[in-house]
């Protein structure tokens, strides 16, 4: 992953270790010398959920996608992170063309956009065959700074879900997982960013369901009479025992 500094000439910061510390002190992995940044401000680590942001107690203001974080938050590529007045963008290290892709099981499986930041938050937006966001009749509104007109299109092409941002003004960069794009093939879990908007692509039916292998039914324990032999042999043994018991009884009776 890498951190890109927004509105700053500072170069990108790359990291691949499990833990990243950010603060003003020299012992941090990433040193940010802003006056509003604490000596040790935040810590980012990875666990089974992904990237986790931990805020050091009494460290000061921390925002993820313009929302305040007081203790902890989950991060994903494409999120905006602000420590005081220092704004950073978390993004993928590699370009989208270099990643491995999973093809949908169906040509047009059910997918939707889930807004996680911006005016459309709290909604689920089904994509269908084609979805338009922005300045066209019937499209969902896409508010941008300065009331700029833009059109963001998601549509299926040859079995791929394509994001087309050609009609978005250049000063409002379209990003997928933090990487600037004009046109890109999308995958489930991708985060699309445009100004204050953040959309996560949900596709529960995108990949095939795992094959469920049914366990072999346990073999039944054999009954004692089955182990002893055929049922005829069992009755013969019972009859023999009865005859012997009767003979012993008669001998005892005669003796007395």
C-alpha atoms as a PDB file:
ATOM      1  CA  UNK A   1       0.000   0.000   0.000  1.00  0.00           C
ATOM      2  CA  UNK A   2       1.005   3.623  -0.243  1.00  0.00           C
ATOM      3  CA  UNK A   3       0.003   6.972   1.226  1.00  0.00           C
ATOM      4  CA  UNK A   4      -0.415   9.909  -1.106  1.00  0.00           C
ATOM      5  CA  UNK A   5      -0.280  13.400   0.376  1.00  0.00           C
ATOM      6  CA  UNK A   6      -3.185  15.541  -0.834  1.00  0.00           C
ATOM      7  CA  UNK A   7      -2.391  19.149  -1.815  1.00  0.00           C
ATOM      8  CA  UNK A   8       1.290  18.662  -1.002  1.00  0.00           C
ATOM      9  CA  UNK A   9       4.455  18.293  -3.020  1.00  0.00           C
ATOM     10  CA  UNK A  10       5.659  15.519  -0.717  1.00  0.00           C
ATOM     11  CA  UNK A  11       6.228  12.212  -2.471  1.00  0.00           C
ATOM     12  CA  UNK A  12       4.184   9.087  -1.824  1.00  0.00           C
ATOM     13  CA  UNK A  13       5.040   6.917   1.167  1.00  0.00           C
ATOM     14  CA  UNK A  14       5.154   3.149   0.549  1.00  0.00           C
ATOM     15  CA  UNK A  15       4.783   0.518   3.224  1.00  0.00           C
ATOM     16  CA  UNK A  16       4.415  -3.249   3.327  1.00  0.00           C
ATOM     17  CA  UNK A  17       5.036  -4.105   6.984  1.00  0.00           C
ATOM     18  CA  UNK A  18       2.201  -5.330   9.230  1.00  0.00           C
ATOM     19  CA  UNK A  19       2.242  -2.193  11.422  1.00  0.00           C
ATOM     20  CA  UNK A  20       2.593   1.483  10.491  1.00  0.00           C
ATOM     21  CA  UNK A  21       2.932   4.326  13.030  1.00  0.00           C
ATOM     22  CA  UNK A  22       2.315   7.964  12.096  1.00  0.00           C
ATOM     23  CA  UNK A  23       3.167  11.034  14.167  1.00  0.00           C
ATOM     24  CA  UNK A  24       5.459  14.008  14.626  1.00  0.00           C
ATOM     25  CA  UNK A  25       8.157  12.179  16.610  1.00  0.00           C
ATOM     26  CA  UNK A  26      11.184  10.788  14.806  1.00  0.00           C
ATOM     27  CA  UNK A  27      10.553   7.240  16.039  1.00  0.00           C
ATOM     28  CA  UNK A  28       7.437   6.876  13.819  1.00  0.00           C
ATOM     29  CA  UNK A  29       7.505   4.990  10.544  1.00  0.00           C
ATOM     30  CA  UNK A  30       5.895   7.987   8.848  1.00  0.00           C
ATOM     31  CA  UNK A  31       6.893  11.363  10.314  1.00  0.00           C
ATOM     32  CA  UNK A  32       4.397  14.197   9.751  1.00  0.00           C
ATOM     33  CA  UNK A  33       5.757  17.505  11.039  1.00  0.00           C
ATOM     34  CA  UNK A  34       2.447  19.401  11.258  1.00  0.00           C
ATOM     35  CA  UNK A  35       1.801  21.386  14.433  1.00  0.00           C
ATOM     36  CA  UNK A  36      -1.585  19.690  14.978  1.00  0.00           C
ATOM     37  CA  UNK A  37      -0.095  16.194  14.716  1.00  0.00           C
ATOM     38  CA  UNK A  38       0.832  14.568  18.032  1.00  0.00           C
ATOM     39  CA  UNK A  39       4.183  12.949  18.709  1.00  0.00           C
ATOM     40  CA  UNK A  40       2.490   9.565  18.263  1.00  0.00           C
ATOM     41  CA  UNK A  41      -0.851  10.052  16.576  1.00  0.00           C
ATOM     42  CA  UNK A  42      -2.173   6.867  14.942  1.00  0.00           C
ATOM     43  CA  UNK A  43      -1.242   3.261  14.336  1.00  0.00           C
ATOM     44  CA  UNK A  44      -2.355   1.181  11.341  1.00  0.00           C
ATOM     45  CA  UNK A  45      -2.144  -2.596  11.499  1.00  0.00           C
ATOM     46  CA  UNK A  46      -3.560  -5.527   9.595  1.00  0.00           C
ATOM     47  CA  UNK A  47      -5.731  -8.315  10.911  1.00  0.00           C
ATOM     48  CA  UNK A  48      -8.295 -10.727   9.483  1.00  0.00           C
ATOM     49  CA  UNK A  49     -10.663  -7.801   8.812  1.00  0.00           C
ATOM     50  CA  UNK A  50      -8.127  -5.810   6.799  1.00  0.00           C
ATOM     51  CA  UNK A  51      -6.502  -2.499   7.760  1.00  0.00           C
ATOM     52  CA  UNK A  52      -7.357  -1.170  11.215  1.00  0.00           C
ATOM     53  CA  UNK A  53      -6.676   2.395  12.350  1.00  0.00           C
ATOM     54  CA  UNK A  54      -6.033   2.906  16.076  1.00  0.00           C
ATOM     55  CA  UNK A  55      -5.967   6.461  17.445  1.00  0.00           C
ATOM     56  CA  UNK A  56      -3.530   7.123  20.289  1.00  0.00           C
ATOM     57  CA  UNK A  57      -5.415   8.539  23.320  1.00  0.00           C
ATOM     58  CA  UNK A  58      -5.435  12.363  23.439  1.00  0.00           C
ATOM     59  CA  UNK A  59      -3.733  12.522  20.036  1.00  0.00           C
ATOM     60  CA  UNK A  60      -6.055  15.117  18.525  1.00  0.00           C
ATOM     61  CA  UNK A  61      -8.339  15.214  15.530  1.00  0.00           C
ATOM     62  CA  UNK A  62      -8.509  12.233  13.175  1.00  0.00           C
ATOM     63  CA  UNK A  63     -10.940  11.969  10.251  1.00  0.00           C
ATOM     64  CA  UNK A  64     -11.588   9.156   7.781  1.00  0.00           C
ATOM     65  CA  UNK A  65     -13.566  10.301   4.742  1.00  0.00           C
ATOM     66  CA  UNK A  66     -14.464  13.498   6.656  1.00  0.00           C
ATOM     67  CA  UNK A  67     -15.930  11.520   9.569  1.00  0.00           C
ATOM     68  CA  UNK A  68     -14.332  11.848  13.015  1.00  0.00           C
ATOM     69  CA  UNK A  69     -12.624   8.795  14.489  1.00  0.00           C
ATOM     70  CA  UNK A  70     -12.024   8.796  18.231  1.00  0.00           C
ATOM     71  CA  UNK A  71     -10.627   5.327  18.870  1.00  0.00           C
ATOM     72  CA  UNK A  72     -10.674   2.876  15.961  1.00  0.00           C
ATOM     73  CA  UNK A  73     -11.837   2.503  12.360  1.00  0.00           C
ATOM     74  CA  UNK A  74     -11.525   0.049   9.494  1.00  0.00           C
ATOM     75  CA  UNK A  75      -9.660   1.382   6.474  1.00  0.00           C
ATOM     76  CA  UNK A  76      -9.736   0.396   2.829  1.00  0.00           C
ATOM     77  CA  UNK A  77      -7.803   1.519  -0.206  1.00  0.00           C
ATOM     78  CA  UNK A  78      -9.276   4.806  -1.423  1.00  0.00           C
ATOM     79  CA  UNK A  79     -10.027   6.245   2.029  1.00  0.00           C
ATOM     80  CA  UNK A  80      -9.071   9.797   2.912  1.00  0.00           C
ATOM     81  CA  UNK A  81      -7.207  10.140   6.228  1.00  0.00           C
ATOM     82  CA  UNK A  82      -6.784  13.509   7.958  1.00  0.00           C
ATOM     83  CA  UNK A  83      -4.593  14.212  10.983  1.00  0.00           C
ATOM     84  CA  UNK A  84      -5.231  17.803  11.927  1.00  0.00           C
ATOM     85  CA  UNK A  85      -4.674  19.775   8.714  1.00  0.00           C
ATOM     86  CA  UNK A  86      -2.605  17.035   7.083  1.00  0.00           C
ATOM     87  CA  UNK A  87      -4.662  15.169   4.482  1.00  0.00           C
ATOM     88  CA  UNK A  88      -3.561  11.817   3.106  1.00  0.00           C
ATOM     89  CA  UNK A  89      -5.029   9.280   0.710  1.00  0.00           C
ATOM     90  CA  UNK A  90      -4.566   5.533   1.183  1.00  0.00           C
ATOM     91  CA  UNK A  91      -4.234   3.788  -2.141  1.00  0.00           C
ATOM     92  CA  UNK A  92      -3.230   0.547  -3.788  1.00  0.00           C
ATOM     93  CA  UNK A  93       0.418   0.178  -4.671  1.00  0.00           C
ATOM     94  CA  UNK A  94      -0.144  -1.404  -8.083  1.00  0.00           C
ATOM     95  CA  UNK A  95      -2.162  -0.134 -11.006  1.00  0.00           C
ATOM     96  CA  UNK A  96      -5.526  -1.753 -11.591  1.00  0.00           C
ATOM     97  CA  UNK A  97      -4.436  -3.357 -14.842  1.00  0.00           C
ATOM     98  CA  UNK A  98      -1.827  -5.426 -13.002  1.00  0.00           C
ATOM     99  CA  UNK A  99      -4.148  -7.075 -10.504  1.00  0.00           C
ATOM    100  CA  UNK A 100      -5.722 -10.502 -10.701  1.00  0.00           C
ATOM    101  CA  UNK A 101      -9.396 -10.403 -11.648  1.00  0.00           C
ATOM    102  CA  UNK A 102     -12.275 -12.719 -10.847  1.00  0.00           C
ATOM    103  CA  UNK A 103     -14.759 -13.119 -13.654  1.00  0.00           C
ATOM    104  CA  UNK A 104     -18.461 -13.019 -12.755  1.00  0.00           C
ATOM    105  CA  UNK A 105     -20.265 -16.341 -12.783  1.00  0.00           C
ATOM    106  CA  UNK A 106     -23.027 -14.759 -14.854  1.00  0.00           C
ATOM    107  CA  UNK A 107     -22.673 -12.225 -17.621  1.00  0.00           C
ATOM    108  CA  UNK A 108     -24.598  -9.695 -15.540  1.00  0.00           C
ATOM    109  CA  UNK A 109     -24.719 -10.831 -11.930  1.00  0.00           C
ATOM    110  CA  UNK A 110     -26.479  -8.786  -9.277  1.00  0.00           C
ATOM    111  CA  UNK A 111     -24.229  -5.975  -8.072  1.00  0.00           C
ATOM    112  CA  UNK A 112     -24.846  -2.690  -6.310  1.00  0.00           C
ATOM    113  CA  UNK A 113     -23.071   0.435  -5.128  1.00  0.00           C
ATOM    114  CA  UNK A 114     -23.010   1.045  -1.389  1.00  0.00           C
ATOM    115  CA  UNK A 115     -22.270   4.721  -0.629  1.00  0.00           C
ATOM    116  CA  UNK A 116     -20.055   4.912   2.463  1.00  0.00           C
ATOM    117  CA  UNK A 117     -19.343   8.657   2.390  1.00  0.00           C
ATOM    118  CA  UNK A 118     -20.981  11.687   0.831  1.00  0.00           C
ATOM    119  CA  UNK A 119     -24.568  12.885   0.328  1.00  0.00           C
ATOM    120  CA  UNK A 120     -25.799   9.483  -0.900  1.00  0.00           C
ATOM    121  CA  UNK A 121     -24.656   7.584   2.209  1.00  0.00           C
ATOM    122  CA  UNK A 122     -27.070   5.097   3.708  1.00  0.00           C
ATOM    123  CA  UNK A 123     -28.491   3.916   0.415  1.00  0.00           C
ATOM    124  CA  UNK A 124     -28.004   0.827  -1.721  1.00  0.00           C
ATOM    125  CA  UNK A 125     -27.943   1.582  -5.435  1.00  0.00           C
ATOM    126  CA  UNK A 126     -28.528  -1.397  -7.759  1.00  0.00           C
ATOM    127  CA  UNK A 127     -26.558  -1.179 -10.989  1.00  0.00           C
ATOM    128  CA  UNK A 128     -28.581  -3.400 -13.316  1.00  0.00           C
ATOM    129  CA  UNK A 129     -27.361  -3.238 -16.906  1.00  0.00           C
ATOM    130  CA  UNK A 130     -26.322   0.408 -16.611  1.00  0.00           C
ATOM    131  CA  UNK A 131     -26.136   3.050 -13.893  1.00  0.00           C
ATOM    132  CA  UNK A 132     -25.613   6.772 -14.401  1.00  0.00           C
ATOM    133  CA  UNK A 133     -24.648   9.179 -11.648  1.00  0.00           C
ATOM    134  CA  UNK A 134     -24.648  12.869 -12.421  1.00  0.00           C
ATOM    135  CA  UNK A 135     -25.920  15.413 -14.870  1.00  0.00           C
ATOM    136  CA  UNK A 136     -28.358  13.576 -17.093  1.00  0.00           C
ATOM    137  CA  UNK A 137     -32.100  13.186 -17.033  1.00  0.00           C
ATOM    138  CA  UNK A 138     -33.035  10.328 -14.750  1.00  0.00           C
ATOM    139  CA  UNK A 139     -29.549   9.933 -13.258  1.00  0.00           C
ATOM    140  CA  UNK A 140     -28.949  10.069  -9.516  1.00  0.00           C
ATOM    141  CA  UNK A 141     -27.556  13.455  -8.460  1.00  0.00           C
ATOM    142  CA  UNK A 142     -23.800  13.670  -8.032  1.00  0.00           C
ATOM    143  CA  UNK A 143     -22.967  16.792  -6.080  1.00  0.00           C
ATOM    144  CA  UNK A 144     -19.499  18.226  -6.728  1.00  0.00           C
ATOM    145  CA  UNK A 145     -17.726  21.332  -5.415  1.00  0.00           C
ATOM    146  CA  UNK A 146     -18.531  24.428  -7.402  1.00  0.00           C
ATOM    147  CA  UNK A 147     -21.702  22.789  -8.766  1.00  0.00           C
ATOM    148  CA  UNK A 148     -19.635  21.278 -11.566  1.00  0.00           C
ATOM    149  CA  UNK A 149     -21.565  19.027 -13.935  1.00  0.00           C
ATOM    150  CA  UNK A 150     -20.294  15.453 -14.216  1.00  0.00           C
ATOM    151  CA  UNK A 151     -21.493  12.072 -15.416  1.00  0.00           C
ATOM    152  CA  UNK A 152     -20.211   8.810 -13.980  1.00  0.00           C
ATOM    153  CA  UNK A 153     -21.355   5.660 -15.793  1.00  0.00           C
ATOM    154  CA  UNK A 154     -21.170   2.000 -14.767  1.00  0.00           C
ATOM    155  CA  UNK A 155     -22.198  -0.493 -17.450  1.00  0.00           C
ATOM    156  CA  UNK A 156     -21.614  -4.109 -18.475  1.00  0.00           C
ATOM    157  CA  UNK A 157     -19.430  -4.645 -21.538  1.00  0.00           C
ATOM    158  CA  UNK A 158     -18.501  -8.157 -22.730  1.00  0.00           C
ATOM    159  CA  UNK A 159     -19.006  -9.633 -19.261  1.00  0.00           C
ATOM    160  CA  UNK A 160     -17.016  -6.893 -17.477  1.00  0.00           C
ATOM    161  CA  UNK A 161     -18.392  -4.099 -15.301  1.00  0.00           C
ATOM    162  CA  UNK A 162     -16.801  -0.935 -16.678  1.00  0.00           C
ATOM    163  CA  UNK A 163     -16.513   2.413 -14.903  1.00  0.00           C
ATOM    164  CA  UNK A 164     -16.455   5.345 -17.322  1.00  0.00           C
ATOM    165  CA  UNK A 165     -15.472   8.744 -15.941  1.00  0.00           C
ATOM    166  CA  UNK A 166     -14.699  10.454 -19.243  1.00  0.00           C
ATOM    167  CA  UNK A 167     -17.382  13.086 -18.578  1.00  0.00           C
ATOM    168  CA  UNK A 168     -16.077  14.044 -15.144  1.00  0.00           C
ATOM    169  CA  UNK A 169     -14.116  17.345 -15.039  1.00  0.00           C
ATOM    170  CA  UNK A 170     -10.380  16.709 -14.794  1.00  0.00           C
ATOM    171  CA  UNK A 171     -10.052  18.665 -11.553  1.00  0.00           C
ATOM    172  CA  UNK A 172     -12.346  16.113  -9.859  1.00  0.00           C
ATOM    173  CA  UNK A 173     -10.304  12.965 -10.278  1.00  0.00           C
ATOM    174  CA  UNK A 174     -12.151   9.649 -10.317  1.00  0.00           C
ATOM    175  CA  UNK A 175     -10.310   7.067  -8.253  1.00  0.00           C
ATOM    176  CA  UNK A 176     -10.683   3.320  -7.780  1.00  0.00           C
ATOM    177  CA  UNK A 177      -8.990   2.130  -4.594  1.00  0.00           C
ATOM    178  CA  UNK A 178      -7.197   5.465  -4.549  1.00  0.00           C
ATOM    179  CA  UNK A 179      -5.774   5.111  -8.075  1.00  0.00           C
ATOM    180  CA  UNK A 180      -6.748   7.782 -10.612  1.00  0.00           C
ATOM    181  CA  UNK A 181      -8.689   6.374 -13.544  1.00  0.00           C
ATOM    182  CA  UNK A 182     -10.761   7.551 -16.478  1.00  0.00           C
ATOM    183  CA  UNK A 183     -11.974   4.098 -17.404  1.00  0.00           C
ATOM    184  CA  UNK A 184     -11.535   0.883 -15.409  1.00  0.00           C
ATOM    185  CA  UNK A 185     -12.815  -2.667 -15.033  1.00  0.00           C
ATOM    186  CA  UNK A 186     -14.281  -3.133 -11.565  1.00  0.00           C
ATOM    187  CA  UNK A 187     -14.123  -5.969  -9.053  1.00  0.00           C
ATOM    188  CA  UNK A 188     -16.182  -6.670  -5.903  1.00  0.00           C
ATOM    189  CA  UNK A 189     -14.907  -4.669  -2.940  1.00  0.00           C
ATOM    190  CA  UNK A 190     -13.525  -1.835  -5.091  1.00  0.00           C
ATOM    191  CA  UNK A 191     -14.006   1.640  -3.677  1.00  0.00           C
ATOM    192  CA  UNK A 192     -14.861   4.407  -6.136  1.00  0.00           C
ATOM    193  CA  UNK A 193     -13.961   7.903  -4.977  1.00  0.00           C
ATOM    194  CA  UNK A 194     -15.009  11.239  -6.460  1.00  0.00           C
ATOM    195  CA  UNK A 195     -14.694  14.417  -4.397  1.00  0.00           C
ATOM    196  CA  UNK A 196     -16.491  13.657  -1.087  1.00  0.00           C
ATOM    197  CA  UNK A 197     -18.269  10.616  -2.529  1.00  0.00           C
ATOM    198  CA  UNK A 198     -17.157   7.072  -1.708  1.00  0.00           C
ATOM    199  CA  UNK A 199     -18.911   4.024  -3.173  1.00  0.00           C
ATOM    200  CA  UNK A 200     -18.052   0.388  -2.443  1.00  0.00           C
ATOM    201  CA  UNK A 201     -18.987  -2.193  -5.063  1.00  0.00           C
ATOM    202  CA  UNK A 202     -20.903  -5.119  -3.563  1.00  0.00           C
ATOM    203  CA  UNK A 203     -21.314  -8.266  -5.669  1.00  0.00           C
ATOM    204  CA  UNK A 204     -22.439 -11.216  -3.532  1.00  0.00           C
ATOM    205  CA  UNK A 205     -23.137 -13.343  -6.612  1.00  0.00           C
ATOM    206  CA  UNK A 206     -19.985 -12.351  -8.478  1.00  0.00           C
ATOM    207  CA  UNK A 207     -18.044 -15.561  -7.891  1.00  0.00           C
ATOM    208  CA  UNK A 208     -19.265 -19.107  -7.743  1.00  0.00           C
ATOM    209  CA  UNK A 209     -20.555 -20.474  -4.489  1.00  0.00           C
ATOM    210  CA  UNK A 210     -18.117 -22.916  -2.882  1.00  0.00           C
ATOM    211  CA  UNK A 211     -18.892 -26.527  -3.665  1.00  0.00           C
ATOM    212  CA  UNK A 212     -20.400 -28.178  -0.622  1.00  0.00           C
ATOM    213  CA  UNK A 213     -19.089 -31.722  -0.226  1.00  0.00           C
ATOM    214  CA  UNK A 214     -21.451 -33.825   1.842  1.00  0.00           C
ATOM    215  CA  UNK A 215     -19.738 -36.070   4.363  1.00  0.00           C
ATOM    216  CA  UNK A 216     -20.163 -39.813   4.018  1.00  0.00           C
ATOM    217  CA  UNK A 217     -22.867 -41.091   6.412  1.00  0.00           C
ATOM    218  CA  UNK A 218     -21.309 -42.970   9.314  1.00  0.00           C
ATOM    219  CA  UNK A 219     -21.532 -46.745   9.021  1.00  0.00           C
ATOM    220  CA  UNK A 220     -23.973 -48.337  11.424  1.00  0.00           C
ATOM    221  CA  UNK A 221     -22.528 -50.465  14.201  1.00  0.00           C
ATOM    222  CA  UNK A 222     -23.392 -54.165  13.597  1.00  0.00           C
ATOM    223  CA  UNK A 223     -25.779 -55.785  16.038  1.00  0.00           C
ATOM    224  CA  UNK A 224     -24.431 -58.590  18.232  1.00  0.00           C
ATOM    225  CA  UNK A 225     -26.570 -61.200  16.507  1.00  0.00           C
ATOM    226  CA  UNK A 226     -25.230 -60.043  13.130  1.00  0.00           C
ATOM    227  CA  UNK A 227     -21.670 -60.482  14.347  1.00  0.00           C
ATOM    228  CA  UNK A 228     -22.453 -63.922  15.795  1.00  0.00           C
ATOM    229  CA  UNK A 229     -23.469 -65.313  12.427  1.00  0.00           C
ATOM    230  CA  UNK A 230     -26.621 -66.113  10.443  1.00  0.00           C
ATOM    231  CA  UNK A 231     -29.893 -65.959  12.328  1.00  0.00           C
ATOM    232  CA  UNK A 232     -30.367 -69.792  11.953  1.00  0.00           C
ATOM    233  CA  UNK A 233     -27.160 -70.397  13.919  1.00  0.00           C
ATOM    234  CA  UNK A 234     -28.383 -68.124  16.713  1.00  0.00           C
ATOM    235  CA  UNK A 235     -31.647 -70.043  17.135  1.00  0.00           C
ATOM    236  CA  UNK A 236     -29.777 -73.371  17.048  1.00  0.00           C
ATOM    237  CA  UNK A 237     -27.590 -72.203  19.924  1.00  0.00           C
ATOM    238  CA  UNK A 238     -30.644 -71.092  21.905  1.00  0.00           C
ATOM    239  CA  UNK A 239     -32.385 -74.446  21.329  1.00  0.00           C
ATOM    240  CA  UNK A 240     -29.246 -76.394  22.352  1.00  0.00           C
ATOM    241  CA  UNK A 241     -28.944 -74.387  25.567  1.00  0.00           C
ATOM    242  CA  UNK A 242     -32.622 -75.047  26.384  1.00  0.00           C
ATOM    243  CA  UNK A 243     -32.244 -78.837  25.849  1.00  0.00           C
ATOM    244  CA  UNK A 244     -29.156 -78.929  28.063  1.00  0.00           C
ATOM    245  CA  UNK A 245     -30.963 -77.008  30.787  1.00  0.00           C
ATOM    246  CA  UNK A 246     -33.936 -79.422  30.569  1.00  0.00           C
ATOM    247  CA  UNK A 247     -31.629 -82.470  30.801  1.00  0.00           C
ATOM    248  CA  UNK A 248     -29.851 -81.120  33.852  1.00  0.00           C
ATOM    249  CA  UNK A 249     -33.190 -80.408  35.508  1.00  0.00           C
ATOM    250  CA  UNK A 250     -34.412 -84.011  34.876  1.00  0.00           C
ATOM    251  CA  UNK A 251     -31.212 -85.527  36.287  1.00  0.00           C
ATOM    252  CA  UNK A 252     -31.500 -83.487  39.436  1.00  0.00           C
ATOM    253  CA  UNK A 253     -35.195 -84.402  39.768  1.00  0.00           C
ATOM    254  CA  UNK A 254     -34.483 -88.174  39.461  1.00  0.00           C
ATOM    255  CA  UNK A 255     -31.571 -87.932  41.913  1.00  0.00           C
ATOM    256  CA  UNK A 256     -33.793 -86.463  44.598  1.00  0.00           C
END
